[in-house]
Amino acid sequence: MAGFGSLDVATIQRNVLSLAQSLSEDKDIKADIASLTKSVESRFKDFLFLMGKTCKDVAIQVELLIQMSSTQDVNVTKMVACVHSIKTDIEESLNDFKKIETKTVELLTKCRQRLQEKESNKQQSKRELERVEKQHKELEYQRQVTEREICELDKAAYELNNRADTLDREKNQSESRGFGGLFLAALGVVAAPFTLGLSLSVTLAGGIVAGVNFNNAAECRGAAERARYSADQKRDMSFRFSCNMRVLIVEIEGHNRTIQDLTRQIAILQTDEGVLQKLIAVTSKFTDVLNKIDIKITSIISNVFEAGLHSNTFTLEQIATAGTHNHDTQNNEKFKKLLVEWKTLQESSK
């Protein structure tokens, strides 16, 4: 039977102490762990003291029984008192460790529930992050399209103004030289074909140059003015896109921080979940030792009653088999069985 000496008490204590330092984000669990730590440390000290006392008491009983030559030498009162004292102490320690185990299981359940909550919150934050990133991407696309349209409108306004200036200059030159329109037309100067330097989109062209006579300076200037006005409107639109994007960036950063924070908290909880599981496993080893000792004590009590040692006036020789050596400890089977039980208990408590 494995004794208490096989348990790594130091490791258990280190694991328990590490719990109080790790769950900084969950104050309620941290408080529970602090309480559990205090109880466990106290129970471990009690366990060490109890096992030392039990070893000593059992060793004394074994030595006394070994030295006895006659069953009449058995001090019934002391043996019964010793057995019951050990059993009472063992049962109290068992109850203490079972309470610790119950509290540990409850805390483990609490940790797992908290883990589920944080995992759920993390997934929700990820979904929100995806939604906001999608909005940001759409706004960025709209801003880029708008910026391209602004460039087109600015260039159109510039070229339309240039066209108007060219028409005015040609007209002034025609009038000052007196050649008339026919001469300039013959030279291919007046009403030369005109196209914008870049293609406006259908929407832009419909609002800016639809129906414009590019050989009329006034109409060209009017179209240029409309192009500048439309470009200014789109600049405002692009500015609003940028403002909304900055708001979304702040939101994205917030979701990323939340996800990172939850990831860290989840990792802490997962670590402590493992420590709590180990604590349960180790606590069960303590209870196993105590249970085995309790079973052996119960067996000794049974043998004591079977031998009649529960009575102060009853001696082993009265229940021994007939014969000249019925009180001899070497030949009395009940006494030898009792001694084996005590020796086994001695081994169990080492």
Protein backbone atom coordinates (compact mmCIF):
# COMPACT_ATOMS: atom_id res chain seq x y z
CA MET A 1 0.00 0.00 0.00
CA ALA A 2 1.41 3.37 -0.98
CA GLY A 3 2.03 5.61 2.01
CA PHE A 4 1.85 9.36 2.42
CA GLY A 5 5.59 9.68 1.82
CA SER A 6 5.03 9.19 -1.92
CA LEU A 7 3.10 12.50 -2.19
CA ASP A 8 4.90 15.61 -3.36
CA VAL A 9 3.62 18.09 -0.79
CA ALA A 10 6.03 20.85 -1.83
CA THR A 11 4.80 20.71 -5.44
CA ILE A 12 1.21 20.88 -4.31
CA GLN A 13 1.88 23.93 -2.16
CA ARG A 14 3.68 25.72 -5.01
CA ASN A 15 0.80 25.00 -7.36
CA VAL A 16 -1.74 26.30 -4.90
CA LEU A 17 0.23 29.47 -4.23
CA SER A 18 0.60 30.13 -7.95
CA LEU A 19 -3.18 30.28 -8.29
CA ALA A 20 -3.50 33.40 -6.16
CA GLN A 21 -1.13 35.31 -8.43
CA SER A 22 -2.59 34.39 -11.79
CA LEU A 23 -6.29 35.22 -11.99
CA SER A 24 -5.90 38.98 -11.69
CA GLU A 25 -8.75 39.66 -14.14
CA ASP A 26 -11.35 37.64 -12.20
CA LYS A 27 -11.45 39.04 -8.70
CA ASP A 28 -14.22 36.74 -7.50
CA ILE A 29 -12.29 33.65 -8.55
CA LYS A 30 -9.12 35.12 -7.11
CA ALA A 31 -10.88 35.56 -3.75
CA ASP A 32 -12.11 31.95 -3.87
CA ILE A 33 -8.59 30.76 -4.65
CA ALA A 34 -7.12 32.77 -1.78
CA SER A 35 -9.63 31.14 0.57
CA LEU A 36 -8.91 27.71 -0.90
CA THR A 37 -5.16 28.28 -0.58
CA LYS A 38 -5.49 29.13 3.09
CA SER A 39 -7.59 26.03 3.76
CA VAL A 40 -5.29 23.74 1.79
CA GLU A 41 -2.14 24.96 3.53
CA SER A 42 -3.78 24.47 6.90
CA ARG A 43 -4.99 20.97 6.01
CA PHE A 44 -1.57 19.98 4.67
CA LYS A 45 0.07 21.01 7.94
CA ASP A 46 -2.60 19.10 9.89
CA PHE A 47 -2.05 16.10 7.63
CA LEU A 48 1.71 16.10 8.25
CA PHE A 49 1.17 16.38 12.00
CA LEU A 50 -1.51 13.66 11.96
CA MET A 51 0.63 11.23 9.99
CA GLY A 52 3.57 11.82 12.30
CA LYS A 53 1.39 11.23 15.36
CA THR A 54 -0.24 8.18 13.79
CA CYS A 55 3.12 6.66 12.88
CA LYS A 56 4.32 7.17 16.43
CA ASP A 57 1.18 5.74 18.05
CA VAL A 58 1.08 2.73 15.72
CA ALA A 59 4.80 2.04 16.19
CA ILE A 60 4.28 2.01 19.97
CA GLN A 61 1.42 -0.46 19.68
CA VAL A 62 3.38 -2.72 17.34
CA GLU A 63 6.41 -2.69 19.65
CA LEU A 64 4.26 -3.44 22.69
CA LEU A 65 2.55 -6.35 20.93
CA ILE A 66 5.88 -7.75 19.71
CA GLN A 67 7.32 -7.68 23.26
CA MET A 68 4.32 -9.44 24.78
CA SER A 69 4.71 -13.11 25.54
CA SER A 70 1.23 -13.60 26.94
CA THR A 71 -2.12 -12.43 25.72
CA GLN A 72 -2.88 -11.43 29.30
CA ASP A 73 -0.34 -8.62 28.94
CA VAL A 74 -2.54 -6.73 26.47
CA ASN A 75 -3.69 -3.39 27.91
CA VAL A 76 -7.20 -3.44 26.55
CA THR A 77 -8.16 0.06 27.64
CA LYS A 78 -5.14 1.74 26.09
CA MET A 79 -5.36 -0.20 22.83
CA VAL A 80 -9.04 0.54 22.33
CA ALA A 81 -8.52 4.20 23.22
CA CYS A 82 -5.59 4.41 20.79
CA VAL A 83 -7.56 2.80 17.96
CA HIS A 84 -10.55 5.07 18.40
CA SER A 85 -8.36 8.15 18.72
CA ILE A 86 -6.58 7.36 15.46
CA LYS A 87 -9.88 6.63 13.70
CA THR A 88 -11.42 9.88 14.92
CA ASP A 89 -8.41 11.90 13.73
CA ILE A 90 -8.35 10.13 10.36
CA GLU A 91 -12.07 10.65 9.78
CA GLU A 92 -11.78 14.35 10.66
CA SER A 93 -8.89 14.75 8.24
CA LEU A 94 -10.83 12.87 5.57
CA ASN A 95 -13.79 15.18 5.99
CA ASP A 96 -11.50 18.21 5.75
CA PHE A 97 -9.93 16.97 2.51
CA LYS A 98 -13.31 16.08 1.06
CA LYS A 99 -14.48 19.64 1.75
CA ILE A 100 -11.37 20.96 0.01
CA GLU A 101 -12.01 18.65 -2.91
CA THR A 102 -15.62 19.84 -3.11
CA LYS A 103 -14.52 23.49 -3.07
CA THR A 104 -11.86 22.79 -5.70
CA VAL A 105 -14.39 21.10 -7.97
CA GLU A 106 -16.76 24.05 -7.52
CA LEU A 107 -13.96 26.48 -8.37
CA LEU A 108 -12.97 24.37 -11.37
CA THR A 109 -16.57 24.47 -12.59
CA LYS A 110 -16.59 28.23 -12.07
CA CYS A 111 -13.35 28.58 -14.06
CA ARG A 112 -14.78 26.51 -16.91
CA GLN A 113 -17.97 28.57 -16.98
CA ARG A 114 -15.90 31.74 -17.04
CA LEU A 115 -13.80 30.27 -19.82
CA GLN A 116 -16.93 29.63 -21.86
CA GLU A 117 -18.11 33.19 -21.25
CA LYS A 118 -14.79 34.67 -22.31
CA GLU A 119 -14.56 32.40 -25.35
CA SER A 120 -18.07 33.50 -26.33
CA ASN A 121 -17.14 37.17 -25.79
CA LYS A 122 -13.99 36.68 -27.83
CA GLN A 123 -15.92 35.17 -30.74
CA GLN A 124 -18.45 38.01 -30.55
CA SER A 125 -15.62 40.55 -30.60
CA LYS A 126 -14.13 38.81 -33.63
CA ARG A 127 -17.46 38.98 -35.45
CA GLU A 128 -17.76 42.67 -34.59
CA LEU A 129 -14.19 43.22 -35.74
CA GLU A 130 -14.93 41.55 -39.08
CA ARG A 131 -18.04 43.69 -39.51
CA VAL A 132 -16.21 46.94 -38.75
CA GLU A 133 -13.23 45.99 -40.93
CA LYS A 134 -15.63 45.31 -43.77
CA GLN A 135 -17.22 48.73 -43.30
CA HIS A 136 -13.79 50.32 -43.23
CA LYS A 137 -12.81 48.53 -46.41
CA GLU A 138 -16.00 49.66 -48.16
CA LEU A 139 -15.47 53.26 -47.04
CA GLU A 140 -11.86 53.15 -48.23
CA TYR A 141 -13.01 51.91 -51.62
CA GLN A 142 -15.63 54.68 -51.83
CA ARG A 143 -13.04 57.26 -50.78
CA GLN A 144 -10.60 56.09 -53.45
CA VAL A 145 -13.33 56.22 -56.14
CA THR A 146 -14.31 59.69 -54.96
CA GLU A 147 -10.68 60.86 -55.01
CA ARG A 148 -10.33 59.63 -58.59
CA GLU A 149 -13.50 61.47 -59.55
CA ILE A 150 -12.16 64.63 -57.90
CA CYS A 151 -9.02 64.36 -60.00
CA GLU A 152 -11.13 63.91 -63.14
CA LEU A 153 -13.32 66.90 -62.30
CA ASP A 154 -10.35 69.12 -61.45
CA LYS A 155 -8.68 68.21 -64.72
CA ALA A 156 -11.93 68.70 -66.65
CA ALA A 157 -12.39 72.15 -65.07
CA TYR A 158 -8.81 73.06 -65.98
CA GLU A 159 -9.19 71.89 -69.58
CA LEU A 160 -12.58 73.57 -70.00
CA ASN A 161 -11.15 76.84 -68.74
CA ASN A 162 -8.22 76.43 -71.12
CA ARG A 163 -10.69 75.74 -73.93
CA ALA A 164 -12.61 78.91 -73.10
CA ASP A 165 -9.37 80.93 -72.96
CA THR A 166 -8.30 79.51 -76.31
CA LEU A 167 -11.64 80.42 -77.91
CA ASP A 168 -11.43 83.95 -76.51
CA ARG A 169 -7.86 84.33 -77.70
CA GLU A 170 -8.76 83.08 -81.20
CA LYS A 171 -11.70 85.43 -81.33
CA ASN A 172 -9.59 88.42 -80.29
CA GLN A 173 -6.90 87.53 -82.79
CA SER A 174 -9.52 87.23 -85.56
CA GLU A 175 -11.04 90.59 -84.78
CA SER A 176 -7.71 92.41 -84.44
CA ARG A 177 -6.25 91.13 -87.70
CA GLY A 178 -9.47 91.51 -89.64
CA PHE A 179 -9.12 88.23 -91.40
CA GLY A 180 -12.57 87.08 -90.39
CA GLY A 181 -13.81 83.74 -89.58
CA LEU A 182 -13.35 82.25 -93.01
CA PHE A 183 -9.59 82.74 -92.99
CA LEU A 184 -9.16 81.23 -89.53
CA ALA A 185 -11.49 78.42 -90.39
CA ALA A 186 -9.41 77.73 -93.47
CA LEU A 187 -6.37 77.54 -91.21
CA GLY A 188 -8.26 75.09 -88.94
CA VAL A 189 -8.10 77.27 -85.83
CA VAL A 190 -11.69 78.15 -85.08
CA ALA A 191 -13.97 75.45 -83.76
CA ALA A 192 -11.18 72.87 -83.74
CA PRO A 193 -12.34 69.48 -82.45
CA PHE A 194 -12.17 69.33 -78.64
CA THR A 195 -12.29 66.38 -76.24
CA LEU A 196 -11.46 66.37 -72.55
CA GLY A 197 -8.04 65.03 -71.72
CA LEU A 198 -9.58 62.15 -69.77
CA SER A 199 -12.89 60.39 -69.91
CA LEU A 200 -15.37 61.46 -67.28
CA SER A 201 -17.68 58.78 -65.99
CA VAL A 202 -21.17 58.73 -67.43
CA THR A 203 -22.58 60.21 -64.22
CA LEU A 204 -20.02 62.98 -64.11
CA ALA A 205 -20.29 63.78 -67.80
CA GLY A 206 -24.11 63.87 -67.62
CA GLY A 207 -24.02 66.59 -64.98
CA ILE A 208 -21.05 68.58 -66.26
CA VAL A 209 -20.70 68.56 -70.06
CA ALA A 210 -24.06 67.32 -71.28
CA GLY A 211 -25.20 69.61 -74.12
CA VAL A 212 -22.15 71.88 -73.86
CA ASN A 213 -20.98 73.56 -77.08
CA PHE A 214 -17.21 73.28 -76.79
CA ASN A 215 -16.85 76.09 -79.38
CA ASN A 216 -18.59 78.50 -77.02
CA ALA A 217 -16.28 80.03 -74.40
CA ALA A 218 -19.12 80.94 -72.04
CA GLU A 219 -20.52 77.41 -72.10
CA CYS A 220 -17.04 75.97 -71.49
CA ARG A 221 -16.56 78.25 -68.49
CA GLY A 222 -19.99 77.28 -67.19
CA ALA A 223 -19.07 73.60 -67.48
CA ALA A 224 -15.75 74.30 -65.75
CA GLU A 225 -17.58 75.99 -62.88
CA ARG A 226 -19.92 73.03 -62.54
CA ALA A 227 -16.93 70.69 -62.56
CA ARG A 228 -15.24 72.67 -59.74
CA TYR A 229 -18.47 72.74 -57.73
CA SER A 230 -18.93 69.02 -58.15
CA ALA A 231 -15.28 68.43 -57.20
CA ASP A 232 -15.74 70.52 -54.02
CA GLN A 233 -18.83 68.49 -53.10
CA LYS A 234 -16.88 65.30 -53.58
CA ARG A 235 -14.02 66.66 -51.48
CA ASP A 236 -16.55 67.13 -48.67
CA MET A 237 -17.77 63.59 -49.28
CA SER A 238 -14.20 62.25 -49.22
CA PHE A 239 -13.56 64.14 -45.97
CA ARG A 240 -16.64 62.55 -44.39
CA PHE A 241 -15.46 59.14 -45.58
CA SER A 242 -12.07 59.80 -43.94
CA CYS A 243 -13.72 60.95 -40.70
CA ASN A 244 -15.92 57.85 -40.59
CA MET A 245 -12.90 55.69 -41.35
CA ARG A 246 -10.99 57.22 -38.42
CA VAL A 247 -13.93 56.41 -36.15
CA LEU A 248 -13.92 52.85 -37.44
CA ILE A 249 -10.15 52.58 -36.93
CA VAL A 250 -10.62 53.51 -33.27
CA GLU A 251 -13.34 50.86 -33.05
CA ILE A 252 -11.10 48.30 -34.77
CA GLU A 253 -8.28 49.05 -32.35
CA GLY A 254 -10.71 48.66 -29.46
CA HIS A 255 -11.90 45.28 -30.70
CA ASN A 256 -8.30 44.15 -31.21
CA ARG A 257 -7.41 45.17 -27.66
CA THR A 258 -10.48 43.38 -26.34
CA ILE A 259 -9.58 40.21 -28.26
CA GLN A 260 -5.96 40.37 -27.03
CA ASP A 261 -7.12 40.94 -23.46
CA LEU A 262 -9.62 38.08 -23.62
CA THR A 263 -6.98 35.83 -25.18
CA ARG A 264 -4.68 36.58 -22.25
CA GLN A 265 -7.44 36.02 -19.69
CA ILE A 266 -8.43 32.76 -21.38
CA ALA A 267 -4.81 31.57 -21.26
CA ILE A 268 -4.66 32.39 -17.54
CA LEU A 269 -7.91 30.57 -16.86
CA GLN A 270 -6.76 27.57 -18.89
CA THR A 271 -3.54 27.44 -16.87
CA ASP A 272 -5.42 27.59 -13.60
CA GLU A 273 -7.94 25.06 -14.84
CA GLY A 274 -5.02 22.66 -15.28
CA VAL A 275 -3.64 23.50 -11.83
CA LEU A 276 -7.03 22.94 -10.23
CA GLN A 277 -7.32 19.59 -11.99
CA LYS A 278 -3.91 18.64 -10.66
CA LEU A 279 -4.90 19.81 -7.19
CA ILE A 280 -7.98 17.57 -7.33
CA ALA A 281 -5.83 14.63 -8.44
CA VAL A 282 -3.29 15.20 -5.67
CA THR A 283 -5.96 15.78 -3.04
CA SER A 284 -7.47 12.44 -4.03
CA LYS A 285 -4.09 10.83 -3.27
CA PHE A 286 -4.26 12.21 0.25
CA THR A 287 -7.79 10.94 0.67
CA ASP A 288 -6.71 7.55 -0.72
CA VAL A 289 -4.03 7.28 1.96
CA LEU A 290 -6.47 8.34 4.65
CA ASN A 291 -9.14 5.95 3.35
CA LYS A 292 -6.73 3.01 3.41
CA ILE A 293 -5.67 3.86 6.94
CA ASP A 294 -9.31 4.21 7.94
CA ILE A 295 -10.12 0.82 6.42
CA LYS A 296 -7.20 -0.76 8.29
CA ILE A 297 -8.26 0.90 11.55
CA THR A 298 -11.78 -0.44 11.02
CA SER A 299 -10.31 -3.90 10.47
CA ILE A 300 -8.29 -3.64 13.68
CA ILE A 301 -11.39 -2.58 15.60
CA SER A 302 -13.21 -5.57 14.13
CA ASN A 303 -10.41 -7.88 15.26
CA VAL A 304 -10.39 -6.29 18.69
CA PHE A 305 -14.11 -6.98 19.04
CA GLU A 306 -13.71 -10.43 17.58
CA ALA A 307 -11.04 -11.16 20.17
CA GLY A 308 -13.22 -9.71 22.89
CA LEU A 309 -10.77 -6.92 23.68
CA HIS A 310 -13.58 -4.39 23.91
CA SER A 311 -14.14 -5.61 27.47
CA ASN A 312 -11.76 -4.64 30.28
CA THR A 313 -12.29 -7.97 32.03
CA PHE A 314 -12.16 -10.13 28.95
CA THR A 315 -8.75 -11.61 28.12
CA LEU A 316 -7.51 -13.27 24.97
CA GLU A 317 -6.96 -16.56 26.73
CA GLN A 318 -10.70 -16.86 27.34
CA ILE A 319 -11.36 -17.01 23.58
CA ALA A 320 -8.19 -18.88 22.65
CA THR A 321 -8.39 -22.49 21.54
CA ALA A 322 -7.97 -25.11 24.19
CA GLY A 323 -4.43 -26.16 25.00
CA THR A 324 -1.62 -25.55 27.37
CA HIS A 325 -0.37 -22.57 25.32
CA ASN A 326 -3.68 -20.82 24.81
CA HIS A 327 -2.32 -17.58 26.29
CA ASP A 328 1.00 -17.76 24.42
CA THR A 329 1.23 -14.93 21.83
CA GLN A 330 3.26 -17.17 19.52
CA ASN A 331 0.43 -19.70 19.27
CA ASN A 332 -2.69 -17.54 19.58
CA GLU A 333 -4.05 -17.04 16.04
CA LYS A 334 -6.23 -14.08 16.94
CA PHE A 335 -3.32 -12.29 18.56
CA LYS A 336 -1.07 -12.99 15.54
CA LYS A 337 -3.76 -11.69 13.19
CA LEU A 338 -4.10 -8.55 15.30
CA LEU A 339 -0.34 -8.01 15.20
CA VAL A 340 -0.31 -8.36 11.38
CA GLU A 341 -3.04 -5.75 11.13
CA TRP A 342 -1.02 -3.30 13.25
CA LYS A 343 2.14 -3.93 11.23
CA THR A 344 0.25 -3.34 7.97
CA LEU A 345 -1.12 -0.10 9.40
CA GLN A 346 2.42 0.87 10.36
CA GLU A 347 3.58 0.42 6.77
CA SER A 348 0.61 2.37 5.43
CA SER A 349 1.29 5.37 7.65
CA LYS A 350 5.00 5.70 6.90
